Amino acid sequence: MVVVGEVPSEVEGVRSGKVWFRCVKCRQVFLVDLDALGKQQEAAARKIELKDCTEYLPTKTYQIGEAIFHNEWSDVGKVKAKEKTSSGGQAIVVSFEKLGERRLIENFKIEEVTSSPNAVQSVTPEISNLPQSEVI
């Protein structure tokens, strides 16, 4: 990128913060607001506080921009995007502070198919159905 010129300010003696750049390969010209770009970089560089995070669980759903904490990795990150998996499930792309970008499952439903093809039941066993030797 090569600087082509600066946009003149409406106020005398004050910089506008907007600069024209030209790509040396394709020769396309772009107007870049350096002030807005600086604010975006500052916001991205801010540390994510643990108290502001939601604990990650595959069964929950998350919003883009939401801060999450992954308990097993002891890392915090922000949800950058949402995707569909090849099996039709849902995934989120999270940018973690230590691990970088990772894809995680969201809205995961745990179900078990019983002997009849139309019946579905939960995998979680009830304590009352367990033999007394297995109850703690």
Protein backbone atom coordinates (compact mmCIF):
# COMPACT_ATOMS: atom_id res chain seq x y z
CA MET A 1 0.00 0.00 0.00
CA VAL A 2 1.19 3.46 -0.86
CA VAL A 3 -0.15 6.70 0.64
CA VAL A 4 -1.77 8.78 -2.09
CA GLY A 5 -2.98 11.74 -0.07
CA GLU A 6 -4.79 13.00 3.00
CA VAL A 7 -8.40 14.20 3.08
CA PRO A 8 -8.50 17.91 3.97
CA SER A 9 -10.09 18.80 7.30
CA GLU A 10 -13.14 21.04 7.64
CA VAL A 11 -11.44 22.88 10.52
CA GLU A 12 -8.25 24.84 9.81
CA GLY A 13 -5.13 23.28 11.38
CA VAL A 14 -6.80 20.01 12.48
CA ARG A 15 -6.03 16.69 10.80
CA SER A 16 -9.01 14.79 9.41
CA GLY A 17 -7.51 11.37 10.20
CA LYS A 18 -8.55 10.03 6.78
CA VAL A 19 -5.92 8.99 4.25
CA TRP A 20 -6.10 7.64 0.69
CA PHE A 21 -4.04 4.48 0.02
CA ARG A 22 -3.34 2.76 -3.32
CA CYS A 23 -2.58 -0.95 -3.71
CA VAL A 24 0.67 -1.42 -5.64
CA LYS A 25 -0.57 -4.68 -7.23
CA CYS A 26 -4.12 -3.92 -8.38
CA ARG A 27 -3.83 -0.09 -8.20
CA GLN A 28 -7.18 0.16 -6.41
CA VAL A 29 -7.57 3.20 -4.13
CA PHE A 30 -8.97 2.99 -0.56
CA LEU A 31 -10.00 5.67 1.92
CA VAL A 32 -8.90 4.66 5.43
CA ASP A 33 -10.06 6.42 8.61
CA LEU A 34 -6.96 6.13 10.82
CA ASP A 35 -8.80 7.37 13.94
CA ALA A 36 -11.50 4.68 13.66
CA LEU A 37 -8.87 2.05 12.87
CA GLY A 38 -6.93 3.01 16.01
CA LYS A 39 -10.07 2.73 18.16
CA GLN A 40 -10.80 -0.74 16.73
CA GLN A 41 -7.26 -1.91 17.48
CA GLU A 42 -7.47 -0.57 21.06
CA ALA A 43 -10.77 -2.38 21.64
CA ALA A 44 -9.34 -5.63 20.25
CA ALA A 45 -6.20 -5.32 22.39
CA ARG A 46 -8.14 -4.90 25.66
CA LYS A 47 -7.87 -7.89 27.97
CA ILE A 48 -11.04 -9.89 28.55
CA GLU A 49 -11.96 -10.01 32.24
CA LEU A 50 -12.94 -13.41 33.67
CA LYS A 51 -15.92 -11.86 35.48
CA ASP A 52 -17.36 -10.71 32.13
CA CYS A 53 -17.17 -14.21 30.58
CA THR A 54 -19.76 -16.95 30.18
CA GLU A 55 -18.46 -20.46 30.88
CA TYR A 56 -18.30 -22.55 27.70
CA LEU A 57 -20.55 -25.58 27.53
CA PRO A 58 -21.29 -27.38 24.23
CA THR A 59 -25.00 -27.45 25.07
CA LYS A 60 -25.31 -23.63 25.25
CA THR A 61 -25.72 -21.15 22.40
CA TYR A 62 -23.59 -18.01 22.09
CA GLN A 63 -23.79 -14.64 20.34
CA ILE A 64 -21.10 -13.06 18.16
CA GLY A 65 -18.96 -10.78 20.34
CA GLU A 66 -19.75 -12.68 23.55
CA ALA A 67 -16.80 -13.34 25.87
CA ILE A 68 -16.45 -16.97 26.97
CA PHE A 69 -14.22 -18.91 29.37
CA HIS A 70 -13.11 -22.45 28.46
CA ASN A 71 -12.66 -24.27 31.78
CA GLU A 72 -10.47 -27.16 30.50
CA TRP A 73 -8.06 -24.82 28.69
CA SER A 74 -8.16 -22.03 31.33
CA ASP A 75 -8.43 -19.47 28.55
CA VAL A 76 -10.81 -16.64 27.66
CA GLY A 77 -11.88 -15.52 24.21
CA LYS A 78 -14.49 -13.79 22.09
CA VAL A 79 -16.93 -15.39 19.68
CA LYS A 80 -16.00 -14.13 16.19
CA ALA A 81 -18.37 -16.11 13.94
CA LYS A 82 -21.00 -18.85 13.79
CA GLU A 83 -20.85 -21.78 11.35
CA LYS A 84 -22.75 -24.89 10.31
CA THR A 85 -20.83 -28.16 10.55
CA SER A 86 -20.84 -30.77 7.78
CA SER A 87 -23.19 -32.93 9.87
CA GLY A 88 -25.69 -30.06 10.20
CA GLY A 89 -24.69 -29.07 13.73
CA GLN A 90 -23.73 -25.61 14.94
CA ALA A 91 -20.24 -24.32 15.71
CA ILE A 92 -18.69 -21.06 16.87
CA VAL A 93 -15.32 -19.59 15.95
CA VAL A 94 -13.64 -18.23 19.08
CA SER A 95 -10.49 -16.13 19.26
CA PHE A 96 -8.76 -17.14 22.52
CA GLU A 97 -6.02 -15.07 24.17
CA LYS A 98 -3.57 -17.97 24.62
CA LEU A 99 -4.66 -20.57 22.05
CA GLY A 100 -5.64 -18.35 19.14
CA GLU A 101 -8.62 -19.16 16.94
CA ARG A 102 -10.57 -22.38 17.63
CA ARG A 103 -13.86 -23.87 16.44
CA LEU A 104 -16.18 -25.15 19.17
CA ILE A 105 -19.52 -26.95 19.09
CA GLU A 106 -22.60 -25.09 20.34
CA ASN A 107 -26.23 -26.08 20.95
CA PHE A 108 -25.27 -29.78 21.14
CA LYS A 109 -28.11 -32.11 22.04
CA ILE A 110 -27.25 -35.42 23.75
CA GLU A 111 -29.79 -38.07 22.78
CA GLU A 112 -29.84 -41.85 22.63
CA VAL A 113 -31.94 -43.91 20.25
CA THR A 114 -33.79 -46.82 21.91
CA SER A 115 -34.91 -50.09 20.28
CA SER A 116 -37.88 -48.49 18.52
CA PRO A 117 -36.70 -46.16 15.72
CA ASN A 118 -39.09 -43.30 16.62
CA ALA A 119 -38.33 -43.17 20.36
CA VAL A 120 -35.55 -40.94 21.68
CA GLN A 121 -34.59 -40.67 25.33
CA SER A 122 -32.05 -38.74 27.35
CA VAL A 123 -28.66 -40.33 28.07
CA THR A 124 -28.56 -39.05 31.67
CA PRO A 125 -29.54 -41.97 33.96
CA GLU A 126 -31.76 -41.35 36.92
CA ILE A 127 -30.31 -42.26 40.31
CA SER A 128 -33.51 -44.08 41.37
CA ASN A 129 -33.03 -46.61 38.53
CA LEU A 130 -29.44 -47.52 39.53
CA PRO A 131 -28.68 -50.54 41.74
CA GLN A 132 -27.84 -49.61 45.34
CA SER A 133 -24.19 -50.64 44.84
CA GLU A 134 -23.75 -47.88 42.21
CA VAL A 135 -25.37 -45.09 44.24
CA ILE A 136 -22.80 -42.96 46.07
